[in-house]
PDB file of all heavy atoms in Angstrom:
ATOM      1  N   ARG A   1      25.485 -73.482 182.552  1.00  0.00           N
ATOM      2  CA  ARG A   1      24.041 -73.370 182.400  1.00  0.00           C
ATOM      3  C   ARG A   1      23.374 -72.836 183.680  1.00  0.00           C
ATOM      4  O   ARG A   1      22.390 -72.101 183.627  1.00  0.00           O
ATOM      5  CB  ARG A   1      23.450 -74.722 182.035  1.00  0.00           C
ATOM      6  CG  ARG A   1      23.759 -75.196 180.624  1.00  0.00           C
ATOM      7  CD  ARG A   1      22.778 -76.288 180.223  1.00  0.00           C
ATOM      8  NE  ARG A   1      22.819 -77.412 181.157  1.00  0.00           N
ATOM      9  CZ  ARG A   1      23.592 -78.512 180.959  1.00  0.00           C
ATOM     10  NH1 ARG A   1      24.395 -78.550 179.904  1.00  0.00           N
ATOM     11  NH2 ARG A   1      23.575 -79.474 181.827  1.00  0.00           N
ATOM     12  N   SER A   2      23.927 -73.204 184.852  1.00  0.00           N
ATOM     13  CA  SER A   2      23.253 -72.849 186.104  1.00  0.00           C
ATOM     14  C   SER A   2      23.886 -71.649 186.795  1.00  0.00           C
ATOM     15  O   SER A   2      23.519 -71.315 187.895  1.00  0.00           O
ATOM     16  CB  SER A   2      23.316 -74.057 187.070  1.00  0.00           C
ATOM     17  OG  SER A   2      24.636 -74.391 187.368  1.00  0.00           O
ATOM     18  N   MET A   3      24.857 -70.995 186.149  1.00  0.00           N
ATOM     19  CA  MET A   3      25.579 -69.912 186.804  1.00  0.00           C
ATOM     20  C   MET A   3      24.691 -68.811 187.347  1.00  0.00           C
ATOM     21  O   MET A   3      24.823 -68.416 188.491  1.00  0.00           O
ATOM     22  CB  MET A   3      26.602 -69.322 185.846  1.00  0.00           C
ATOM     23  CG  MET A   3      27.477 -68.230 186.474  1.00  0.00           C
ATOM     24  SD  MET A   3      28.452 -68.820 187.862  1.00  0.00           S
ATOM     25  CE  MET A   3      29.642 -69.811 186.997  1.00  0.00           C
ATOM     26  N   PRO A   4      23.748 -68.282 186.580  1.00  0.00           N
ATOM     27  CA  PRO A   4      22.904 -67.202 187.140  1.00  0.00           C
ATOM     28  C   PRO A   4      22.182 -67.612 188.387  1.00  0.00           C
ATOM     29  O   PRO A   4      22.158 -66.891 189.368  1.00  0.00           O
ATOM     30  CB  PRO A   4      21.946 -66.862 185.986  1.00  0.00           C
ATOM     31  CG  PRO A   4      22.645 -67.319 184.760  1.00  0.00           C
ATOM     32  CD  PRO A   4      23.402 -68.556 185.170  1.00  0.00           C
ATOM     33  N   ARG A   5      21.574 -68.812 188.356  1.00  0.00           N
ATOM     34  CA  ARG A   5      20.807 -69.251 189.526  1.00  0.00           C
ATOM     35  C   ARG A   5      21.720 -69.488 190.722  1.00  0.00           C
ATOM     36  O   ARG A   5      21.433 -69.098 191.819  1.00  0.00           O
ATOM     37  CB  ARG A   5      20.026 -70.525 189.198  1.00  0.00           C
ATOM     38  CG  ARG A   5      19.219 -71.064 190.366  1.00  0.00           C
ATOM     39  CD  ARG A   5      18.413 -72.289 189.988  1.00  0.00           C
ATOM     40  NE  ARG A   5      17.450 -71.978 188.927  1.00  0.00           N
ATOM     41  CZ  ARG A   5      16.713 -72.909 188.339  1.00  0.00           C
ATOM     42  NH1 ARG A   5      16.820 -74.166 188.700  1.00  0.00           N
ATOM     43  NH2 ARG A   5      15.876 -72.544 187.396  1.00  0.00           N
ATOM     44  N   ARG A   6      22.867 -70.149 190.443  1.00  0.00           N
ATOM     45  CA  ARG A   6      23.779 -70.413 191.551  1.00  0.00           C
ATOM     46  C   ARG A   6      24.382 -69.131 192.079  1.00  0.00           C
ATOM     47  O   ARG A   6      24.629 -68.986 193.276  1.00  0.00           O
ATOM     48  CB  ARG A   6      24.875 -71.403 191.107  1.00  0.00           C
ATOM     49  CG  ARG A   6      24.354 -72.795 190.843  1.00  0.00           C
ATOM     50  CD  ARG A   6      25.494 -73.788 190.702  1.00  0.00           C
ATOM     51  NE  ARG A   6      24.985 -75.116 190.423  1.00  0.00           N
ATOM     52  CZ  ARG A   6      24.526 -75.943 191.349  1.00  0.00           C
ATOM     53  NH1 ARG A   6      24.493 -75.508 192.611  1.00  0.00           N
ATOM     54  NH2 ARG A   6      24.085 -77.128 191.025  1.00  0.00           N
ATOM     55  N   SER A   7      24.678 -68.198 191.209  1.00  0.00           N
ATOM     56  CA  SER A   7      25.242 -66.913 191.658  1.00  0.00           C
ATOM     57  C   SER A   7      24.278 -66.220 192.588  1.00  0.00           C
ATOM     58  O   SER A   7      24.687 -65.674 193.619  1.00  0.00           O
ATOM     59  CB  SER A   7      25.547 -66.020 190.431  1.00  0.00           C
ATOM     60  OG  SER A   7      26.551 -66.615 189.641  1.00  0.00           O
ATOM     61  N   LEU A   8      22.970 -66.239 192.240  1.00  0.00           N
ATOM     62  CA  LEU A   8      21.987 -65.622 193.102  1.00  0.00           C
ATOM     63  C   LEU A   8      21.915 -66.351 194.447  1.00  0.00           C
ATOM     64  O   LEU A   8      21.776 -65.720 195.500  1.00  0.00           O
ATOM     65  CB  LEU A   8      20.612 -65.641 192.413  1.00  0.00           C
ATOM     66  CG  LEU A   8      20.472 -64.688 191.220  1.00  0.00           C
ATOM     67  CD1 LEU A   8      19.116 -64.904 190.549  1.00  0.00           C
ATOM     68  CD2 LEU A   8      20.606 -63.244 191.661  1.00  0.00           C
ATOM     69  N   THR A   9      22.025 -67.682 194.386  1.00  0.00           N
ATOM     70  CA  THR A   9      21.976 -68.472 195.625  1.00  0.00           C
ATOM     71  C   THR A   9      23.160 -68.138 196.520  1.00  0.00           C
ATOM     72  O   THR A   9      23.037 -67.930 197.736  1.00  0.00           O
ATOM     73  CB  THR A   9      21.966 -69.980 195.316  1.00  0.00           C
ATOM     74  OG1 THR A   9      20.845 -70.249 194.476  1.00  0.00           O
ATOM     75  CG2 THR A   9      21.867 -70.778 196.599  1.00  0.00           C
ATOM     76  N   TYR A  10      24.377 -68.088 195.891  1.00  0.00           N
ATOM     77  CA  TYR A  10      25.559 -67.744 196.650  1.00  0.00           C
ATOM     78  C   TYR A  10      25.432 -66.356 197.273  1.00  0.00           C
ATOM     79  O   TYR A  10      25.742 -66.112 198.452  1.00  0.00           O
ATOM     80  CB  TYR A  10      26.797 -67.777 195.762  1.00  0.00           C
ATOM     81  CG  TYR A  10      27.187 -69.156 195.246  1.00  0.00           C
ATOM     82  CD1 TYR A  10      28.073 -69.283 194.188  1.00  0.00           C
ATOM     83  CD2 TYR A  10      26.650 -70.313 195.800  1.00  0.00           C
ATOM     84  CE1 TYR A  10      28.427 -70.539 193.716  1.00  0.00           C
ATOM     85  CE2 TYR A  10      27.007 -71.546 195.331  1.00  0.00           C
ATOM     86  CZ  TYR A  10      27.897 -71.675 194.285  1.00  0.00           C
ATOM     87  OH  TYR A  10      28.233 -72.886 193.807  1.00  0.00           O
ATOM     88  N   ALA A  11      25.013 -65.405 196.439  1.00  0.00           N
ATOM     89  CA  ALA A  11      24.875 -64.032 196.922  1.00  0.00           C
ATOM     90  C   ALA A  11      23.899 -63.909 198.057  1.00  0.00           C
ATOM     91  O   ALA A  11      24.160 -63.234 199.053  1.00  0.00           O
ATOM     92  CB  ALA A  11      24.447 -63.113 195.761  1.00  0.00           C
ATOM     93  N   ALA A  12      22.769 -64.628 197.912  1.00  0.00           N
ATOM     94  CA  ALA A  12      21.746 -64.574 198.974  1.00  0.00           C
ATOM     95  C   ALA A  12      22.281 -65.213 200.252  1.00  0.00           C
ATOM     96  O   ALA A  12      22.082 -64.707 201.350  1.00  0.00           O
ATOM     97  CB  ALA A  12      20.486 -65.271 198.513  1.00  0.00           C
ATOM     98  N   GLY A  13      23.019 -66.334 200.088  1.00  0.00           N
ATOM     99  CA  GLY A  13      23.578 -67.010 201.251  1.00  0.00           C
ATOM    100  C   GLY A  13      24.590 -66.151 201.984  1.00  0.00           C
ATOM    101  O   GLY A  13      24.600 -66.030 203.212  1.00  0.00           O
ATOM    102  N   ILE A  14      25.495 -65.534 201.197  1.00  0.00           N
ATOM    103  CA  ILE A  14      26.547 -64.693 201.785  1.00  0.00           C
ATOM    104  C   ILE A  14      25.916 -63.468 202.448  1.00  0.00           C
ATOM    105  O   ILE A  14      26.329 -63.063 203.529  1.00  0.00           O
ATOM    106  CB  ILE A  14      27.559 -64.287 200.682  1.00  0.00           C
ATOM    107  CG1 ILE A  14      28.328 -65.520 200.238  1.00  0.00           C
ATOM    108  CG2 ILE A  14      28.523 -63.237 201.220  1.00  0.00           C
ATOM    109  CD1 ILE A  14      29.231 -65.269 199.041  1.00  0.00           C
ATOM    110  N   ALA A  15      24.931 -62.846 201.775  1.00  0.00           N
ATOM    111  CA  ALA A  15      24.293 -61.669 202.345  1.00  0.00           C
ATOM    112  C   ALA A  15      23.611 -62.018 203.653  1.00  0.00           C
ATOM    113  O   ALA A  15      23.670 -61.266 204.643  1.00  0.00           O
ATOM    114  CB  ALA A  15      23.275 -61.109 201.366  1.00  0.00           C
ATOM    115  N   GLY A  16      22.921 -63.198 203.690  1.00  0.00           N
ATOM    116  CA  GLY A  16      22.260 -63.623 204.933  1.00  0.00           C
ATOM    117  C   GLY A  16      23.254 -63.863 206.051  1.00  0.00           C
ATOM    118  O   GLY A  16      23.036 -63.471 207.201  1.00  0.00           O
ATOM    119  N   ALA A  17      24.398 -64.477 205.711  1.00  0.00           N
ATOM    120  CA  ALA A  17      25.438 -64.708 206.733  1.00  0.00           C
ATOM    121  C   ALA A  17      26.012 -63.406 207.236  1.00  0.00           C
ATOM    122  O   ALA A  17      26.276 -63.240 208.435  1.00  0.00           O
ATOM    123  CB  ALA A  17      26.528 -65.577 206.124  1.00  0.00           C
ATOM    124  N   PHE A  18      26.213 -62.435 206.325  1.00  0.00           N
ATOM    125  CA  PHE A  18      26.749 -61.155 206.728  1.00  0.00           C
ATOM    126  C   PHE A  18      25.801 -60.431 207.659  1.00  0.00           C
ATOM    127  O   PHE A  18      26.237 -59.863 208.680  1.00  0.00           O
ATOM    128  CB  PHE A  18      27.008 -60.308 205.463  1.00  0.00           C
ATOM    129  CG  PHE A  18      27.493 -58.917 205.766  1.00  0.00           C
ATOM    130  CD1 PHE A  18      28.786 -58.684 206.235  1.00  0.00           C
ATOM    131  CD2 PHE A  18      26.645 -57.837 205.598  1.00  0.00           C
ATOM    132  CE1 PHE A  18      29.218 -57.398 206.523  1.00  0.00           C
ATOM    133  CE2 PHE A  18      27.080 -56.543 205.893  1.00  0.00           C
ATOM    134  CZ  PHE A  18      28.364 -56.337 206.349  1.00  0.00           C
ATOM    135  N   LEU A  19      24.513 -60.427 207.343  1.00  0.00           N
ATOM    136  CA  LEU A  19      23.552 -59.765 208.204  1.00  0.00           C
ATOM    137  C   LEU A  19      23.478 -60.458 209.593  1.00  0.00           C
ATOM    138  O   LEU A  19      23.351 -59.764 210.602  1.00  0.00           O
ATOM    139  CB  LEU A  19      22.168 -59.766 207.537  1.00  0.00           C
ATOM    140  CG  LEU A  19      22.038 -58.887 206.281  1.00  0.00           C
ATOM    141  CD1 LEU A  19      20.680 -59.087 205.638  1.00  0.00           C
ATOM    142  CD2 LEU A  19      22.267 -57.426 206.619  1.00  0.00           C
ATOM    143  N   ALA A  20      23.570 -61.760 209.578  1.00  0.00           N
ATOM    144  CA  ALA A  20      23.537 -62.475 210.867  1.00  0.00           C
ATOM    145  C   ALA A  20      24.772 -62.135 211.673  1.00  0.00           C
ATOM    146  O   ALA A  20      24.699 -61.943 212.903  1.00  0.00           O
ATOM    147  CB  ALA A  20      23.478 -63.977 210.615  1.00  0.00           C
ATOM    148  N   LEU A  21      25.919 -62.021 210.996  1.00  0.00           N
ATOM    149  CA  LEU A  21      27.146 -61.662 211.687  1.00  0.00           C
ATOM    150  C   LEU A  21      27.057 -60.263 212.320  1.00  0.00           C
ATOM    151  O   LEU A  21      27.450 -60.045 213.465  1.00  0.00           O
ATOM    152  CB  LEU A  21      28.321 -61.708 210.721  1.00  0.00           C
ATOM    153  CG  LEU A  21      29.671 -61.183 211.241  1.00  0.00           C
ATOM    154  CD1 LEU A  21      30.140 -61.973 212.436  1.00  0.00           C
ATOM    155  CD2 LEU A  21      30.700 -61.229 210.124  1.00  0.00           C
ATOM    156  N   ARG A  22      26.513 -59.309 211.545  1.00  0.00           N
ATOM    157  CA  ARG A  22      26.345 -57.949 212.083  1.00  0.00           C
ATOM    158  C   ARG A  22      25.456 -57.955 213.312  1.00  0.00           C
ATOM    159  O   ARG A  22      25.715 -57.250 214.279  1.00  0.00           O
ATOM    160  CB  ARG A  22      25.734 -57.044 210.987  1.00  0.00           C
ATOM    161  CG  ARG A  22      26.684 -56.626 209.905  1.00  0.00           C
ATOM    162  CD  ARG A  22      26.068 -55.589 208.999  1.00  0.00           C
ATOM    163  NE  ARG A  22      25.774 -54.394 209.744  1.00  0.00           N
ATOM    164  CZ  ARG A  22      25.111 -53.357 209.233  1.00  0.00           C
ATOM    165  NH1 ARG A  22      24.677 -53.380 207.981  1.00  0.00           N
ATOM    166  NH2 ARG A  22      24.870 -52.279 209.958  1.00  0.00           N
ATOM    167  N   LEU A  23      24.383 -58.728 213.271  1.00  0.00           N
ATOM    168  CA  LEU A  23      23.464 -58.775 214.418  1.00  0.00           C
ATOM    169  C   LEU A  23      24.159 -59.368 215.635  1.00  0.00           C
ATOM    170  O   LEU A  23      24.022 -58.841 216.742  1.00  0.00           O
ATOM    171  CB  LEU A  23      22.236 -59.605 214.042  1.00  0.00           C
ATOM    172  CG  LEU A  23      21.176 -59.757 215.145  1.00  0.00           C
ATOM    173  CD1 LEU A  23      20.607 -58.407 215.539  1.00  0.00           C
ATOM    174  CD2 LEU A  23      20.055 -60.685 214.672  1.00  0.00           C
ATOM    175  N   VAL A  24      24.936 -60.430 215.448  1.00  0.00           N
ATOM    176  CA  VAL A  24      25.640 -61.053 216.567  1.00  0.00           C
ATOM    177  C   VAL A  24      26.649 -60.095 217.184  1.00  0.00           C
ATOM    178  O   VAL A  24      26.718 -59.891 218.379  1.00  0.00           O
ATOM    179  CB  VAL A  24      26.340 -62.360 216.098  1.00  0.00           C
ATOM    180  CG1 VAL A  24      27.283 -62.863 217.186  1.00  0.00           C
ATOM    181  CG2 VAL A  24      25.316 -63.432 215.777  1.00  0.00           C
ATOM    182  N   LEU A  25      27.468 -59.449 216.304  1.00  0.00           N
ATOM    183  CA  LEU A  25      28.475 -58.527 216.819  1.00  0.00           C
ATOM    184  C   LEU A  25      27.855 -57.297 217.503  1.00  0.00           C
ATOM    185  O   LEU A  25      28.384 -56.810 218.492  1.00  0.00           O
ATOM    186  CB  LEU A  25      29.387 -58.097 215.668  1.00  0.00           C
ATOM    187  CG  LEU A  25      30.267 -59.189 215.068  1.00  0.00           C
ATOM    188  CD1 LEU A  25      31.095 -58.621 213.922  1.00  0.00           C
ATOM    189  CD2 LEU A  25      31.158 -59.809 216.120  1.00  0.00           C
ATOM    190  N   ARG A  26      26.750 -56.834 216.942  1.00  0.00           N
ATOM    191  CA  ARG A  26      26.060 -55.691 217.579  1.00  0.00           C
ATOM    192  C   ARG A  26      25.583 -56.037 218.974  1.00  0.00           C
ATOM    193  O   ARG A  26      25.716 -55.262 219.896  1.00  0.00           O
ATOM    194  CB  ARG A  26      24.866 -55.268 216.694  1.00  0.00           C
ATOM    195  CG  ARG A  26      24.168 -54.033 217.242  1.00  0.00           C
ATOM    196  CD  ARG A  26      23.028 -53.637 216.303  1.00  0.00           C
ATOM    197  NE  ARG A  26      23.519 -53.310 214.981  1.00  0.00           N
ATOM    198  CZ  ARG A  26      22.693 -53.042 213.956  1.00  0.00           C
ATOM    199  NH1 ARG A  26      21.375 -53.091 214.104  1.00  0.00           N
ATOM    200  NH2 ARG A  26      23.196 -52.745 212.778  1.00  0.00           N
ATOM    201  N   ASN A  27      25.054 -57.222 219.150  1.00  0.00           N
ATOM    202  CA  ASN A  27      24.581 -57.651 220.474  1.00  0.00           C
ATOM    203  C   ASN A  27      25.722 -57.869 221.437  1.00  0.00           C
ATOM    204  O   ASN A  27      25.599 -57.610 222.623  1.00  0.00           O
ATOM    205  CB  ASN A  27      23.732 -58.922 220.346  1.00  0.00           C
ATOM    206  CG  ASN A  27      22.372 -58.628 219.703  1.00  0.00           C
ATOM    207  OD1 ASN A  27      21.860 -57.543 219.782  1.00  0.00           O
ATOM    208  ND2 ASN A  27      21.829 -59.634 219.026  1.00  0.00           N
ATOM    209  N   ILE A  28      26.867 -58.326 220.899  1.00  0.00           N
ATOM    210  CA  ILE A  28      28.026 -58.548 221.766  1.00  0.00           C
ATOM    211  C   ILE A  28      28.507 -57.253 222.365  1.00  0.00           C
ATOM    212  O   ILE A  28      28.853 -57.142 223.537  1.00  0.00           O
ATOM    213  CB  ILE A  28      29.161 -59.234 220.972  1.00  0.00           C
ATOM    214  CG1 ILE A  28      28.806 -60.690 220.675  1.00  0.00           C
ATOM    215  CG2 ILE A  28      30.484 -59.152 221.717  1.00  0.00           C
ATOM    216  CD1 ILE A  28      29.805 -61.369 219.782  1.00  0.00           C
ATOM    217  N   HIS A  29      28.535 -56.194 221.531  1.00  0.00           N
ATOM    218  CA  HIS A  29      29.128 -54.920 221.950  1.00  0.00           C
ATOM    219  C   HIS A  29      28.106 -53.980 222.602  1.00  0.00           C
ATOM    220  O   HIS A  29      28.491 -52.930 223.070  1.00  0.00           O
ATOM    221  CB  HIS A  29      29.781 -54.214 220.742  1.00  0.00           C
ATOM    222  CG  HIS A  29      30.936 -54.960 220.187  1.00  0.00           C
ATOM    223  ND1 HIS A  29      32.121 -55.111 220.884  1.00  0.00           N
ATOM    224  CD2 HIS A  29      31.118 -55.630 219.035  1.00  0.00           C
ATOM    225  CE1 HIS A  29      32.978 -55.823 220.186  1.00  0.00           C
ATOM    226  NE2 HIS A  29      32.388 -56.136 219.061  1.00  0.00           N
ATOM    227  N   ARG A  30      26.859 -54.341 222.628  1.00  0.00           N
ATOM    228  CA  ARG A  30      25.839 -53.489 223.257  1.00  0.00           C
ATOM    229  C   ARG A  30      25.984 -53.558 224.760  1.00  0.00           C
ATOM    230  O   ARG A  30      26.177 -54.643 225.346  1.00  0.00           O
ATOM    231  CB  ARG A  30      24.453 -53.925 222.840  1.00  0.00           C
ATOM    232  CG  ARG A  30      23.338 -53.083 223.381  1.00  0.00           C
ATOM    233  CD  ARG A  30      21.986 -53.531 222.809  1.00  0.00           C
ATOM    234  NE  ARG A  30      21.949 -53.273 221.387  1.00  0.00           N
ATOM    235  CZ  ARG A  30      21.002 -53.777 220.587  1.00  0.00           C
ATOM    236  NH1 ARG A  30      20.086 -54.580 221.084  1.00  0.00           N
ATOM    237  NH2 ARG A  30      21.008 -53.496 219.308  1.00  0.00           N
ATOM    238  N   ILE A  31      25.855 -52.438 225.445  1.00  0.00           N
ATOM    239  CA  ILE A  31      25.943 -52.413 226.897  1.00  0.00           C
ATOM    240  C   ILE A  31      24.714 -51.705 227.474  1.00  0.00           C
ATOM    241  O   ILE A  31      24.073 -50.920 226.810  1.00  0.00           O
ATOM    242  CB  ILE A  31      27.221 -51.722 227.407  1.00  0.00           C
ATOM    243  CG1 ILE A  31      27.232 -50.237 227.037  1.00  0.00           C
ATOM    244  CG2 ILE A  31      28.465 -52.434 226.892  1.00  0.00           C
ATOM    245  CD1 ILE A  31      28.394 -49.480 227.674  1.00  0.00           C
ATOM    246  N   ASP A  32      24.452 -52.025 228.731  1.00  0.00           N
ATOM    247  CA  ASP A  32      23.359 -51.390 229.437  1.00  0.00           C
ATOM    248  C   ASP A  32      23.933 -50.175 230.185  1.00  0.00           C
ATOM    249  O   ASP A  32      24.845 -50.323 230.985  1.00  0.00           O
ATOM    250  CB  ASP A  32      22.740 -52.379 230.442  1.00  0.00           C
ATOM    251  CG  ASP A  32      21.577 -51.798 231.210  1.00  0.00           C
ATOM    252  OD1 ASP A  32      21.195 -50.641 230.919  1.00  0.00           O
ATOM    253  OD2 ASP A  32      21.050 -52.507 232.085  1.00  0.00           O
ATOM    254  N   PHE A  33      23.426 -48.982 229.909  1.00  0.00           N
ATOM    255  CA  PHE A  33      23.968 -47.776 230.520  1.00  0.00           C
ATOM    256  C   PHE A  33      23.378 -47.457 231.880  1.00  0.00           C
ATOM    257  O   PHE A  33      23.802 -46.502 232.528  1.00  0.00           O
ATOM    258  CB  PHE A  33      23.744 -46.567 229.591  1.00  0.00           C
ATOM    259  CG  PHE A  33      24.566 -46.602 228.356  1.00  0.00           C
ATOM    260  CD1 PHE A  33      24.041 -46.998 227.143  1.00  0.00           C
ATOM    261  CD2 PHE A  33      25.923 -46.287 228.400  1.00  0.00           C
ATOM    262  CE1 PHE A  33      24.809 -47.045 225.981  1.00  0.00           C
ATOM    263  CE2 PHE A  33      26.708 -46.327 227.258  1.00  0.00           C
ATOM    264  CZ  PHE A  33      26.136 -46.713 226.063  1.00  0.00           C
ATOM    265  N   GLU A  34      22.447 -48.251 232.355  1.00  0.00           N
ATOM    266  CA  GLU A  34      21.836 -48.002 233.658  1.00  0.00           C
ATOM    267  C   GLU A  34      22.906 -48.020 234.736  1.00  0.00           C
ATOM    268  O   GLU A  34      23.627 -49.011 234.942  1.00  0.00           O
ATOM    269  CB  GLU A  34      20.798 -49.082 233.954  1.00  0.00           C
ATOM    270  CG  GLU A  34      20.030 -48.858 235.257  1.00  0.00           C
ATOM    271  CD  GLU A  34      19.089 -47.663 235.195  1.00  0.00           C
ATOM    272  OE1 GLU A  34      18.505 -47.437 234.116  1.00  0.00           O
ATOM    273  OE2 GLU A  34      18.969 -46.963 236.233  1.00  0.00           O
ATOM    274  N   GLY A  35      23.037 -46.883 235.467  1.00  0.00           N
ATOM    275  CA  GLY A  35      23.991 -46.799 236.565  1.00  0.00           C
ATOM    276  C   GLY A  35      25.438 -46.588 236.154  1.00  0.00           C
ATOM    277  O   GLY A  35      26.324 -46.470 237.021  1.00  0.00           O
ATOM    278  N   ARG A  36      25.710 -46.525 234.879  1.00  0.00           N
ATOM    279  CA  ARG A  36      27.087 -46.323 234.431  1.00  0.00           C
ATOM    280  C   ARG A  36      27.403 -44.821 234.349  1.00  0.00           C
ATOM    281  O   ARG A  36      26.513 -44.009 234.202  1.00  0.00           O
ATOM    282  CB  ARG A  36      27.314 -46.995 233.085  1.00  0.00           C
ATOM    283  CG  ARG A  36      27.218 -48.515 233.137  1.00  0.00           C
ATOM    284  CD  ARG A  36      27.505 -49.129 231.784  1.00  0.00           C
ATOM    285  NE  ARG A  36      27.357 -50.559 231.777  1.00  0.00           N
ATOM    286  CZ  ARG A  36      28.324 -51.433 232.002  1.00  0.00           C
ATOM    287  NH1 ARG A  36      29.552 -51.011 232.229  1.00  0.00           N
ATOM    288  NH2 ARG A  36      28.103 -52.734 231.966  1.00  0.00           N
ATOM    289  N   THR A  37      28.691 -44.527 234.402  1.00  0.00           N
ATOM    290  CA  THR A  37      29.110 -43.130 234.356  1.00  0.00           C
ATOM    291  C   THR A  37      29.656 -42.799 232.992  1.00  0.00           C
ATOM    292  O   THR A  37      30.580 -43.448 232.500  1.00  0.00           O
ATOM    293  CB  THR A  37      30.231 -42.873 235.421  1.00  0.00           C
ATOM    294  OG1 THR A  37      29.728 -43.195 236.714  1.00  0.00           O
ATOM    295  CG2 THR A  37      30.666 -41.415 235.382  1.00  0.00           C
ATOM    296  N   VAL A  38      29.074 -41.766 232.382  1.00  0.00           N
ATOM    297  CA  VAL A  38      29.495 -41.327 231.063  1.00  0.00           C
ATOM    298  C   VAL A  38      30.073 -39.907 231.171  1.00  0.00           C
ATOM    299  O   VAL A  38      29.407 -39.002 231.654  1.00  0.00           O
ATOM    300  CB  VAL A  38      28.303 -41.319 230.071  1.00  0.00           C
ATOM    301  CG1 VAL A  38      28.759 -40.812 228.687  1.00  0.00           C
ATOM    302  CG2 VAL A  38      27.712 -42.736 229.945  1.00  0.00           C
ATOM    303  N   VAL A  39      31.311 -39.735 230.729  1.00  0.00           N
ATOM    304  CA  VAL A  39      31.989 -38.455 230.751  1.00  0.00           C
ATOM    305  C   VAL A  39      31.949 -37.877 229.331  1.00  0.00           C
ATOM    306  O   VAL A  39      32.336 -38.554 228.369  1.00  0.00           O
ATOM    307  CB  VAL A  39      33.449 -38.566 231.219  1.00  0.00           C
ATOM    308  CG1 VAL A  39      34.132 -37.223 231.203  1.00  0.00           C
ATOM    309  CG2 VAL A  39      33.499 -39.178 232.607  1.00  0.00           C
ATOM    310  N   ILE A  40      31.470 -36.638 229.223  1.00  0.00           N
ATOM    311  CA  ILE A  40      31.354 -36.000 227.906  1.00  0.00           C
ATOM    312  C   ILE A  40      32.036 -34.629 227.970  1.00  0.00           C
ATOM    313  O   ILE A  40      31.818 -33.870 228.909  1.00  0.00           O
ATOM    314  CB  ILE A  40      29.889 -35.798 227.516  1.00  0.00           C
ATOM    315  CG1 ILE A  40      29.134 -37.141 227.528  1.00  0.00           C
ATOM    316  CG2 ILE A  40      29.777 -35.170 226.118  1.00  0.00           C
ATOM    317  CD1 ILE A  40      27.633 -37.031 227.328  1.00  0.00           C
ATOM    318  N   THR A  41      32.874 -34.322 226.984  1.00  0.00           N
ATOM    319  CA  THR A  41      33.467 -32.997 226.927  1.00  0.00           C
ATOM    320  C   THR A  41      32.574 -32.075 226.099  1.00  0.00           C
ATOM    321  O   THR A  41      32.128 -32.414 225.010  1.00  0.00           O
ATOM    322  CB  THR A  41      34.871 -33.064 226.275  1.00  0.00           C
ATOM    323  OG1 THR A  41      34.797 -33.626 224.980  1.00  0.00           O
ATOM    324  CG2 THR A  41      35.805 -33.895 227.137  1.00  0.00           C
ATOM    325  N   GLY A  42      32.322 -30.894 226.677  1.00  0.00           N
ATOM    326  CA  GLY A  42      31.403 -29.950 226.054  1.00  0.00           C
ATOM    327  C   GLY A  42      30.154 -29.808 226.910  1.00  0.00           C
ATOM    328  O   GLY A  42      29.837 -30.733 227.701  1.00  0.00           O
ATOM    329  N   GLY A  43      29.462 -28.676 226.780  1.00  0.00           N
ATOM    330  CA  GLY A  43      28.264 -28.477 227.608  1.00  0.00           C
ATOM    331  C   GLY A  43      27.052 -28.024 226.861  1.00  0.00           C
ATOM    332  O   GLY A  43      26.014 -27.729 227.459  1.00  0.00           O
ATOM    333  N   ARG A  44      27.156 -27.982 225.528  1.00  0.00           N
ATOM    334  CA  ARG A  44      25.995 -27.567 224.720  1.00  0.00           C
ATOM    335  C   ARG A  44      26.062 -28.272 223.372  1.00  0.00           C
ATOM    336  O   ARG A  44      26.976 -29.056 223.107  1.00  0.00           O
ATOM    337  CB  ARG A  44      25.999 -26.051 224.512  1.00  0.00           C
ATOM    338  CG  ARG A  44      27.240 -25.484 223.868  1.00  0.00           C
ATOM    339  CD  ARG A  44      27.213 -23.964 223.833  1.00  0.00           C
ATOM    340  NE  ARG A  44      28.476 -23.380 223.360  1.00  0.00           N
ATOM    341  CZ  ARG A  44      28.758 -23.157 222.084  1.00  0.00           C
ATOM    342  NH1 ARG A  44      27.877 -23.465 221.145  1.00  0.00           N
ATOM    343  NH2 ARG A  44      29.918 -22.652 221.727  1.00  0.00           N
ATOM    344  N   GLY A  45      25.076 -28.002 222.512  1.00  0.00           N
ATOM    345  CA  GLY A  45      25.106 -28.574 221.172  1.00  0.00           C
ATOM    346  C   GLY A  45      25.076 -30.094 221.234  1.00  0.00           C
ATOM    347  O   GLY A  45      24.285 -30.710 221.935  1.00  0.00           O
TER     348      GLY A  45
END
């Protein structure tokens, strides 16, 4: 009887957890480029 409602609840909960995980991992891997050396191959485009 409650499957549709519970399915939506599960989906919303999992989606929220996934978005939170993406945010955490993005912040972990973000770096400050100030003063860092970046080497790039190519000189145009």
